[in-house]
């Protein structure tokens, strides 16, 4: 990569050629399973279980789930889009995340330190995970703008159905193997993090070859200019209200289902990871069909079914009482269905967002939309963790009852998600989404 690619401003380029667009789609589909496996393993279910193994409290678990607040880094990163190539930003963020992840590869040492009473083990793990999230969020600033230049509006659903199916399949294989590993070695998180780390390294040679449509004008993109898009676009505000609320509920519910399963119900880490594999299987089963449906009929119907469906699923968690094969099977089914609805909601979400985005300069709209929804989704788990820890500390309190009440509140909020999204109909020819 030449020095000019990093630093020389140029006028915005014309649209990519059809050959470049095809190459971009192929490379995105090939690289995404590697990148998403690394990202998910270091930011989602496995870190929650690892922190619980280290003795972390509900507040710490909530804080780990709230690390997505690092999406605010997209705003300063947005300024760099007008100066640096998107590939340079993408690779820099990936490399930063890989370096930050290294302490988690030494998990056996962290576990030994925690067992000897050292409090710094949880802090080191949390700082490592924080660095991973920061690097990935900085990198992700340019991921959607890159993809936007590869796909036409009428094929968004099919493209994202295919793209996301690939990494869901990869994660099914990963978590199925991880479940078996943890059943054999209950605290063997270190090798699991190491495998994901290697996959993150393998992503870099592929993303170095991604074509891009130049947005480097030499004039910095200011965060306040991007924020002004929300003020002047009521459709964008409605979109962010609905999607941000859904992200807040999802971010709060999923980690604390895992904590309840481990601490209150008594399932092992290996058993819990069966539900994680099921969640990616549900997404895989839903994605391609959802993509076809949203391209044919528009996002409104998909928003309605998936938002209300997830609300009913969350409410059903009040039936989780004791560890048994039947309860585990029910939770596996819950995660499968919840992920299927979430994946369908996400395809409709992306369809609307890309429809609101000008293809010649997508970074401003995409970054501010992703940042706002992610901040809402990241703040909620921290507040939920603080509240849960407070309620659970009250004398005579049943932990299961506390979690059941929490899930009912979350289900009620989830029911409201569809309302601001109900007006996003199918894009008409020549019209606005």
Protein backbone atom coordinates (compact mmCIF):
# COMPACT_ATOMS: atom_id res chain seq x y z
CA UNK A 1 0.00 0.00 0.00
CA UNK A 2 1.54 3.26 -1.11
CA UNK A 3 2.09 6.30 1.05
CA UNK A 4 -0.17 8.23 -1.29
CA UNK A 5 -3.03 5.89 -0.48
CA UNK A 6 -2.74 6.83 3.19
CA UNK A 7 -2.38 10.55 2.94
CA UNK A 8 -3.09 12.20 -0.40
CA UNK A 9 -6.49 13.82 -0.74
CA UNK A 10 -8.26 13.30 -4.05
CA UNK A 11 -11.64 14.31 -5.40
CA UNK A 12 -14.38 11.75 -4.84
CA UNK A 13 -14.15 9.03 -7.44
CA UNK A 14 -16.81 7.81 -9.84
CA UNK A 15 -18.72 4.63 -8.96
CA UNK A 16 -16.73 1.39 -8.99
CA UNK A 17 -16.74 -0.66 -12.16
CA UNK A 18 -18.92 -3.77 -12.24
CA UNK A 19 -15.80 -5.96 -12.07
CA UNK A 20 -14.53 -4.09 -8.98
CA UNK A 21 -17.94 -4.41 -7.35
CA UNK A 22 -17.98 -8.17 -7.97
CA UNK A 23 -14.46 -8.46 -6.57
CA UNK A 24 -15.47 -6.44 -3.54
CA UNK A 25 -18.46 -8.69 -2.88
CA UNK A 26 -16.34 -11.84 -3.22
CA UNK A 27 -13.64 -10.55 -0.86
CA UNK A 28 -16.20 -9.31 1.66
CA UNK A 29 -17.96 -12.68 1.71
CA UNK A 30 -14.63 -14.56 1.98
CA UNK A 31 -13.14 -12.39 4.74
CA UNK A 32 -16.22 -11.82 6.87
CA UNK A 33 -16.35 -15.27 8.56
CA UNK A 34 -12.75 -14.76 9.74
CA UNK A 35 -13.36 -11.24 11.03
CA UNK A 36 -16.71 -11.97 12.65
CA UNK A 37 -15.46 -15.11 14.39
CA UNK A 38 -12.63 -13.10 15.92
CA UNK A 39 -14.95 -10.22 16.80
CA UNK A 40 -17.77 -12.33 18.27
CA UNK A 41 -15.49 -14.60 20.29
CA UNK A 42 -13.83 -11.59 21.95
CA UNK A 43 -16.94 -9.46 22.43
CA UNK A 44 -20.00 -11.67 22.95
CA UNK A 45 -20.88 -14.87 24.82
CA UNK A 46 -17.45 -16.36 25.49
CA UNK A 47 -16.07 -13.29 27.34
CA UNK A 48 -19.18 -13.28 29.54
CA UNK A 49 -18.55 -16.89 30.58
CA UNK A 50 -14.82 -16.22 31.00
CA UNK A 51 -15.49 -13.25 33.30
CA UNK A 52 -17.95 -15.29 35.36
CA UNK A 53 -15.23 -17.98 35.67
CA UNK A 54 -12.90 -15.26 37.00
CA UNK A 55 -15.51 -14.26 39.60
CA UNK A 56 -16.80 -11.06 37.99
CA UNK A 57 -19.92 -9.43 39.45
CA UNK A 58 -23.14 -8.58 37.55
CA UNK A 59 -21.95 -4.98 37.26
CA UNK A 60 -18.70 -6.11 35.63
CA UNK A 61 -20.63 -8.38 33.25
CA UNK A 62 -22.87 -5.43 32.41
CA UNK A 63 -19.80 -3.26 31.87
CA UNK A 64 -18.30 -5.84 29.51
CA UNK A 65 -21.56 -5.92 27.55
CA UNK A 66 -21.53 -2.11 27.54
CA UNK A 67 -18.10 -1.91 25.92
CA UNK A 68 -19.90 -1.25 22.67
CA UNK A 69 -19.96 2.34 23.90
CA UNK A 70 -16.63 2.38 22.06
CA UNK A 71 -18.78 2.96 18.99
CA UNK A 72 -18.27 6.62 19.88
CA UNK A 73 -14.80 6.11 18.39
CA UNK A 74 -16.54 6.02 15.02
CA UNK A 75 -16.99 9.79 15.25
CA UNK A 76 -13.27 10.72 15.35
CA UNK A 77 -12.65 7.89 12.89
CA UNK A 78 -15.18 9.54 10.60
CA UNK A 79 -12.86 12.54 10.35
CA UNK A 80 -10.15 10.24 9.03
CA UNK A 81 -12.32 9.00 6.14
CA UNK A 82 -11.72 12.23 4.23
CA UNK A 83 -7.93 11.84 4.58
CA UNK A 84 -7.05 8.13 4.75
CA UNK A 85 -8.16 5.21 2.61
CA UNK A 86 -10.89 3.03 4.01
CA UNK A 87 -8.62 0.01 3.71
CA UNK A 88 -5.99 1.71 5.87
CA UNK A 89 -8.57 2.43 8.59
CA UNK A 90 -9.96 -1.10 8.36
CA UNK A 91 -6.54 -2.72 8.75
CA UNK A 92 -5.38 -0.36 11.50
CA UNK A 93 -8.42 -1.16 13.62
CA UNK A 94 -8.06 -4.91 13.06
CA UNK A 95 -4.37 -4.84 14.02
CA UNK A 96 -5.13 -2.82 17.18
CA UNK A 97 -7.80 -5.32 18.22
CA UNK A 98 -5.42 -8.25 17.68
CA UNK A 99 -2.76 -6.66 19.89
CA UNK A 100 -5.30 -5.85 22.60
CA UNK A 101 -6.58 -9.44 22.59
CA UNK A 102 -3.24 -11.01 23.51
CA UNK A 103 -3.82 -11.11 27.32
CA UNK A 104 -6.90 -13.31 26.82
CA UNK A 105 -4.68 -15.92 25.22
CA UNK A 106 -3.03 -16.21 28.67
CA UNK A 107 -6.36 -17.07 30.32
CA UNK A 108 -4.89 -19.95 32.38
CA UNK A 109 -2.62 -17.41 34.09
CA UNK A 110 -5.56 -15.05 34.72
CA UNK A 111 -7.57 -17.94 36.17
CA UNK A 112 -4.75 -18.96 38.47
CA UNK A 113 -4.36 -15.36 39.63
CA UNK A 114 -8.07 -15.06 40.39
CA UNK A 115 -8.06 -18.31 42.36
CA UNK A 116 -5.19 -17.02 44.48
CA UNK A 117 -7.31 -14.01 45.42
CA UNK A 118 -5.75 -11.46 43.09
CA UNK A 119 -8.34 -8.89 42.00
CA UNK A 120 -6.34 -7.70 39.00
CA UNK A 121 -7.22 -10.74 36.85
CA UNK A 122 -10.72 -9.43 36.11
CA UNK A 123 -9.33 -5.94 35.49
CA UNK A 124 -6.73 -7.23 33.00
CA UNK A 125 -9.36 -9.27 31.16
CA UNK A 126 -11.74 -6.33 31.05
CA UNK A 127 -9.05 -3.96 29.74
CA UNK A 128 -8.07 -6.49 27.07
CA UNK A 129 -11.67 -6.88 25.94
CA UNK A 130 -12.07 -3.11 25.98
CA UNK A 131 -9.09 -2.74 23.64
CA UNK A 132 -10.52 -5.36 21.27
CA UNK A 133 -13.86 -3.57 21.09
CA UNK A 134 -12.18 -0.19 20.53
CA UNK A 135 -10.06 -1.53 17.68
CA UNK A 136 -12.97 -3.29 16.02
CA UNK A 137 -15.28 -0.31 16.33
CA UNK A 138 -12.65 1.97 14.79
CA UNK A 139 -12.24 -0.55 11.96
CA UNK A 140 -15.98 -1.00 11.48
CA UNK A 141 -16.38 2.72 10.81
CA UNK A 142 -15.56 2.05 7.17
CA UNK A 143 -16.96 -1.48 6.74
CA UNK A 144 -20.52 -0.50 5.80
CA UNK A 145 -19.38 2.41 3.59
CA UNK A 146 -17.17 -0.07 1.72
CA UNK A 147 -20.02 -2.54 1.32
CA UNK A 148 -22.40 0.21 0.21
CA UNK A 149 -20.27 0.76 -2.89
CA UNK A 150 -20.51 -2.93 -3.87
CA UNK A 151 -24.29 -3.43 -3.94
CA UNK A 152 -27.36 -1.92 -5.61
CA UNK A 153 -30.36 -0.94 -3.49
CA UNK A 154 -32.64 -3.62 -4.98
CA UNK A 155 -30.16 -6.38 -4.04
CA UNK A 156 -29.29 -5.29 -0.49
CA UNK A 157 -31.34 -8.01 1.20
CA UNK A 158 -29.92 -10.86 -0.90
CA UNK A 159 -26.35 -9.63 -0.51
CA UNK A 160 -26.55 -9.29 3.26
CA UNK A 161 -28.41 -12.58 3.56
CA UNK A 162 -25.48 -14.27 1.82
CA UNK A 163 -22.79 -12.26 3.63
CA UNK A 164 -24.17 -12.93 7.09
CA UNK A 165 -24.99 -16.57 6.37
CA UNK A 166 -21.28 -17.24 5.85
CA UNK A 167 -20.14 -16.02 9.24
CA UNK A 168 -23.12 -17.57 11.02
CA UNK A 169 -22.14 -20.96 9.59
CA UNK A 170 -18.52 -20.41 10.68
CA UNK A 171 -19.61 -19.55 14.22
CA UNK A 172 -21.89 -22.59 14.44
CA UNK A 173 -18.86 -24.79 13.76
CA UNK A 174 -16.70 -22.79 16.17
CA UNK A 175 -19.15 -22.86 19.10
CA UNK A 176 -20.09 -26.49 18.56
CA UNK A 177 -16.40 -27.38 18.86
CA UNK A 178 -16.00 -24.95 21.79
CA UNK A 179 -18.87 -26.66 23.64
CA UNK A 180 -17.19 -30.03 23.33
CA UNK A 181 -13.88 -28.53 24.40
CA UNK A 182 -15.31 -26.94 27.54
CA UNK A 183 -17.13 -30.14 28.49
CA UNK A 184 -13.71 -31.80 28.40
CA UNK A 185 -11.81 -28.88 30.00
CA UNK A 186 -14.35 -26.69 31.88
CA UNK A 187 -11.99 -23.74 32.29
CA UNK A 188 -10.12 -24.11 28.99
CA UNK A 189 -10.94 -20.69 27.54
CA UNK A 190 -7.34 -19.90 26.51
CA UNK A 191 -7.15 -22.17 23.42
CA UNK A 192 -10.60 -20.99 22.31
CA UNK A 193 -9.45 -17.37 22.34
CA UNK A 194 -6.21 -18.40 20.56
CA UNK A 195 -8.05 -20.01 17.64
CA UNK A 196 -10.21 -16.91 17.16
CA UNK A 197 -7.10 -14.71 17.33
CA UNK A 198 -5.44 -16.65 14.49
CA UNK A 199 -8.57 -16.23 12.37
CA UNK A 200 -8.42 -12.49 12.99
CA UNK A 201 -4.85 -12.43 11.69
CA UNK A 202 -5.88 -14.35 8.55
CA UNK A 203 -8.48 -11.71 7.73
CA UNK A 204 -5.87 -9.00 7.06
CA UNK A 205 -4.48 -10.30 3.71
CA UNK A 206 -8.03 -10.43 2.32
CA UNK A 207 -9.21 -6.98 3.39
CA UNK A 208 -6.01 -5.43 2.00
CA UNK A 209 -7.35 -6.21 -1.49
CA UNK A 210 -10.82 -4.66 -1.09
CA UNK A 211 -11.65 -2.08 -3.77
CA UNK A 212 -13.05 1.21 -2.56
CA UNK A 213 -14.81 4.29 -3.82
CA UNK A 214 -12.77 7.28 -2.77
CA UNK A 215 -14.27 9.75 -0.27
CA UNK A 216 -10.96 11.55 0.45
CA UNK A 217 -11.71 15.14 -0.47
CA UNK A 218 -9.09 16.71 1.79
CA UNK A 219 -11.92 18.39 3.71
CA UNK A 220 -12.46 16.76 7.09
CA UNK A 221 -15.85 15.23 7.80
CA UNK A 222 -16.98 16.79 11.06
CA UNK A 223 -18.92 14.80 13.65
CA UNK A 224 -21.34 17.68 14.23
CA UNK A 225 -22.18 17.71 10.51
CA UNK A 226 -23.03 14.04 10.72
CA UNK A 227 -25.11 14.64 13.87
CA UNK A 228 -27.04 17.34 11.99
CA UNK A 229 -28.36 14.62 9.69
CA UNK A 230 -30.49 13.33 12.58
CA UNK A 231 -31.92 16.77 13.30
CA UNK A 232 -32.97 17.37 9.70
CA UNK A 233 -34.15 13.88 8.77
CA UNK A 234 -37.29 12.65 10.60
CA UNK A 235 -37.10 9.26 8.85
CA UNK A 236 -33.62 8.74 10.21
CA UNK A 237 -34.85 9.68 13.70
CA UNK A 238 -37.67 7.13 13.51
CA UNK A 239 -35.24 4.50 12.28
CA UNK A 240 -32.80 5.19 15.13
CA UNK A 241 -35.55 5.15 17.78
CA UNK A 242 -36.73 1.70 16.76
CA UNK A 243 -33.37 0.12 16.03
CA UNK A 244 -31.71 1.70 19.08
CA UNK A 245 -34.45 0.39 21.39
CA UNK A 246 -34.12 -3.10 19.92
CA UNK A 247 -30.34 -2.97 20.40
CA UNK A 248 -30.78 -1.87 24.03
CA UNK A 249 -33.12 -4.75 24.82
CA UNK A 250 -31.02 -7.33 23.01
CA UNK A 251 -27.79 -6.11 24.61
CA UNK A 252 -29.34 -6.28 28.07
CA UNK A 253 -31.14 -9.61 27.81
CA UNK A 254 -28.61 -11.94 26.16
CA UNK A 255 -25.65 -11.63 28.59
CA UNK A 256 -27.86 -11.95 31.65
CA UNK A 257 -29.60 -15.04 30.30
CA UNK A 258 -26.12 -16.61 30.32
CA UNK A 259 -25.38 -15.35 33.84
CA UNK A 260 -28.72 -16.68 35.11
CA UNK A 261 -28.07 -20.06 33.47
CA UNK A 262 -24.63 -20.31 35.06
CA UNK A 263 -25.20 -18.85 38.53
CA UNK A 264 -28.90 -19.29 39.32
CA UNK A 265 -29.83 -22.41 37.35
CA UNK A 266 -26.50 -24.27 37.47
CA UNK A 267 -25.69 -25.18 33.86
CA UNK A 268 -22.05 -25.74 32.91
CA UNK A 269 -20.14 -23.54 30.46
CA UNK A 270 -20.13 -26.32 27.87
CA UNK A 271 -23.92 -26.71 28.12
CA UNK A 272 -24.38 -22.96 27.84
CA UNK A 273 -22.35 -22.84 24.63
CA UNK A 274 -24.86 -25.22 23.04
CA UNK A 275 -27.26 -22.29 23.20
CA UNK A 276 -24.66 -20.05 21.56
CA UNK A 277 -24.25 -22.48 18.67
CA UNK A 278 -28.05 -22.61 18.41
CA UNK A 279 -28.22 -18.83 18.20
CA UNK A 280 -25.99 -18.76 15.13
CA UNK A 281 -27.91 -21.68 13.63
CA UNK A 282 -31.09 -19.63 14.01
CA UNK A 283 -29.49 -16.68 12.28
CA UNK A 284 -28.24 -18.90 9.46
CA UNK A 285 -31.69 -20.42 8.98
CA UNK A 286 -33.30 -16.98 8.79
CA UNK A 287 -30.88 -14.78 6.87
CA UNK A 288 -31.27 -15.79 3.24
CA UNK A 289 -35.06 -16.06 3.42
CA UNK A 290 -35.26 -12.72 5.25
CA UNK A 291 -33.12 -11.10 2.56
CA UNK A 292 -35.43 -12.35 -0.19
CA UNK A 293 -38.54 -11.28 1.71
CA UNK A 294 -37.33 -7.77 2.44
CA UNK A 295 -36.32 -7.23 -1.21
CA UNK A 296 -39.74 -8.43 -2.38
CA UNK A 297 -42.09 -6.95 0.21
CA UNK A 298 -40.17 -4.27 2.06
CA UNK A 299 -39.09 -4.07 5.70
CA UNK A 300 -42.31 -3.19 7.54
CA UNK A 301 -43.80 -6.68 7.74
CA UNK A 302 -40.46 -8.13 8.80
CA UNK A 303 -40.08 -5.49 11.53
CA UNK A 304 -43.54 -6.33 12.88
CA UNK A 305 -43.10 -10.10 13.03
CA UNK A 306 -39.55 -10.08 14.40
CA UNK A 307 -40.03 -7.33 17.01
CA UNK A 308 -43.18 -8.86 18.50
CA UNK A 309 -41.81 -12.39 18.16
CA UNK A 310 -38.75 -11.52 20.21
CA UNK A 311 -40.92 -9.85 22.86
CA UNK A 312 -42.91 -13.07 23.31
CA UNK A 313 -39.71 -15.10 23.48
CA UNK A 314 -38.19 -12.88 26.18
CA UNK A 315 -41.39 -13.13 28.23
CA UNK A 316 -41.19 -16.93 28.01
CA UNK A 317 -37.96 -16.90 30.06
CA UNK A 318 -40.04 -16.69 33.24
CA UNK A 319 -40.55 -20.43 32.79
CA UNK A 320 -36.84 -21.21 33.36
CA UNK A 321 -36.68 -22.68 36.87
CA UNK A 322 -34.18 -25.54 37.18
CA UNK A 323 -31.33 -27.28 35.37
CA UNK A 324 -32.63 -30.27 33.43
CA UNK A 325 -32.30 -31.70 29.91
CA UNK A 326 -35.78 -30.37 29.11
CA UNK A 327 -34.91 -26.86 30.31
CA UNK A 328 -31.67 -26.89 28.32
CA UNK A 329 -33.55 -28.03 25.21
CA UNK A 330 -36.03 -25.19 25.74
CA UNK A 331 -33.23 -22.63 26.06
CA UNK A 332 -31.54 -23.99 22.93
CA UNK A 333 -34.86 -23.49 21.15
CA UNK A 334 -35.16 -19.99 22.63
CA UNK A 335 -31.76 -18.93 21.33
CA UNK A 336 -32.45 -20.45 17.90
CA UNK A 337 -35.76 -18.58 17.53
CA UNK A 338 -34.50 -15.36 19.13
CA UNK A 339 -31.55 -15.27 16.75
CA UNK A 340 -33.75 -16.08 13.75
CA UNK A 341 -35.99 -13.11 14.55
CA UNK A 342 -33.00 -10.89 15.33
CA UNK A 343 -31.33 -11.79 12.02
CA UNK A 344 -34.53 -11.00 10.12
CA UNK A 345 -34.84 -7.70 11.99
CA UNK A 346 -31.21 -6.93 11.13
CA UNK A 347 -31.72 -7.53 7.40
CA UNK A 348 -34.74 -5.19 7.42
CA UNK A 349 -32.71 -2.70 9.48
CA UNK A 350 -29.86 -2.70 6.93
CA UNK A 351 -32.30 -2.41 4.03
CA UNK A 352 -33.79 0.75 5.54
CA UNK A 353 -30.41 2.22 6.50
CA UNK A 354 -28.90 1.73 3.05
CA UNK A 355 -32.04 3.22 1.52
CA UNK A 356 -31.50 6.35 3.64
CA UNK A 357 -27.86 6.58 2.57
CA UNK A 358 -26.51 8.38 -0.52
CA UNK A 359 -24.24 5.88 -2.34
CA UNK A 360 -21.78 8.56 -3.49
CA UNK A 361 -20.89 9.61 0.11
CA UNK A 362 -22.28 7.05 2.57
CA UNK A 363 -19.89 7.47 5.49
CA UNK A 364 -21.65 10.32 7.31
CA UNK A 365 -25.09 8.73 7.42
CA UNK A 366 -23.91 5.18 8.07
CA UNK A 367 -21.47 6.08 10.81
CA UNK A 368 -23.79 8.36 12.75
CA UNK A 369 -26.67 5.85 12.50
CA UNK A 370 -24.52 2.92 13.63
CA UNK A 371 -22.97 4.98 16.42
CA UNK A 372 -26.25 6.21 17.89
CA UNK A 373 -27.91 2.78 17.85
CA UNK A 374 -24.79 1.11 19.25
CA UNK A 375 -24.44 3.62 22.09
CA UNK A 376 -28.05 2.99 23.10
CA UNK A 377 -27.47 -0.75 22.89
CA UNK A 378 -24.27 -0.50 24.93
CA UNK A 379 -25.44 1.78 27.73
CA UNK A 380 -28.44 -0.40 28.59
CA UNK A 381 -26.48 -3.52 29.71
CA UNK A 382 -24.39 -1.51 32.16
CA UNK A 383 -27.50 0.02 33.73
CA UNK A 384 -29.14 -3.41 33.77
CA UNK A 385 -26.10 -4.96 35.47
CA UNK A 386 -26.03 -2.27 38.17
CA UNK A 387 -29.76 -2.68 38.80
CA UNK A 388 -29.57 -6.48 38.90
CA UNK A 389 -26.63 -6.46 41.31
CA UNK A 390 -28.53 -4.07 43.59
CA UNK A 391 -31.71 -6.18 43.55
CA UNK A 392 -29.81 -9.44 44.04
CA UNK A 393 -27.98 -8.01 47.08
CA UNK A 394 -31.22 -7.42 48.99
CA UNK A 395 -31.72 -9.85 51.93
CA UNK A 396 -34.11 -12.70 51.22
CA UNK A 397 -34.24 -12.00 47.50
CA UNK A 398 -34.65 -14.92 45.11
CA UNK A 399 -32.22 -14.57 42.22
CA UNK A 400 -34.55 -16.35 39.82
CA UNK A 401 -37.44 -14.04 40.66
CA UNK A 402 -35.24 -10.99 40.09
CA UNK A 403 -34.19 -12.27 36.68
CA UNK A 404 -37.78 -13.17 35.77
CA UNK A 405 -39.01 -9.65 36.59
CA UNK A 406 -36.13 -8.20 34.60
CA UNK A 407 -37.05 -10.28 31.54
CA UNK A 408 -40.72 -9.25 31.75
CA UNK A 409 -39.70 -5.57 31.79
CA UNK A 410 -37.44 -6.16 28.79
CA UNK A 411 -40.27 -7.94 26.93
CA UNK A 412 -42.60 -4.99 27.50
CA UNK A 413 -40.02 -2.57 26.09
CA UNK A 414 -39.36 -4.89 23.12
CA UNK A 415 -43.07 -4.72 22.23
CA UNK A 416 -42.64 -0.99 21.54
CA UNK A 417 -39.85 -1.47 18.98
CA UNK A 418 -42.15 -1.83 15.97
CA UNK A 419 -44.07 1.41 16.45
CA UNK A 420 -41.49 3.93 15.09
CA UNK A 421 -40.52 1.49 12.28
CA UNK A 422 -44.04 0.82 10.99
CA UNK A 423 -43.88 3.37 8.13
CA UNK A 424 -40.85 1.99 6.29
CA UNK A 425 -42.50 0.41 3.28
CA UNK A 426 -40.98 -1.17 0.20
CA UNK A 427 -38.91 1.27 -1.84
CA UNK A 428 -40.82 2.44 -4.88
CA UNK A 429 -39.03 2.89 -8.23
CA UNK A 430 -37.37 6.28 -8.17
CA UNK A 431 -38.70 6.99 -4.70
CA UNK A 432 -37.30 7.23 -1.20
CA UNK A 433 -37.30 4.25 1.11
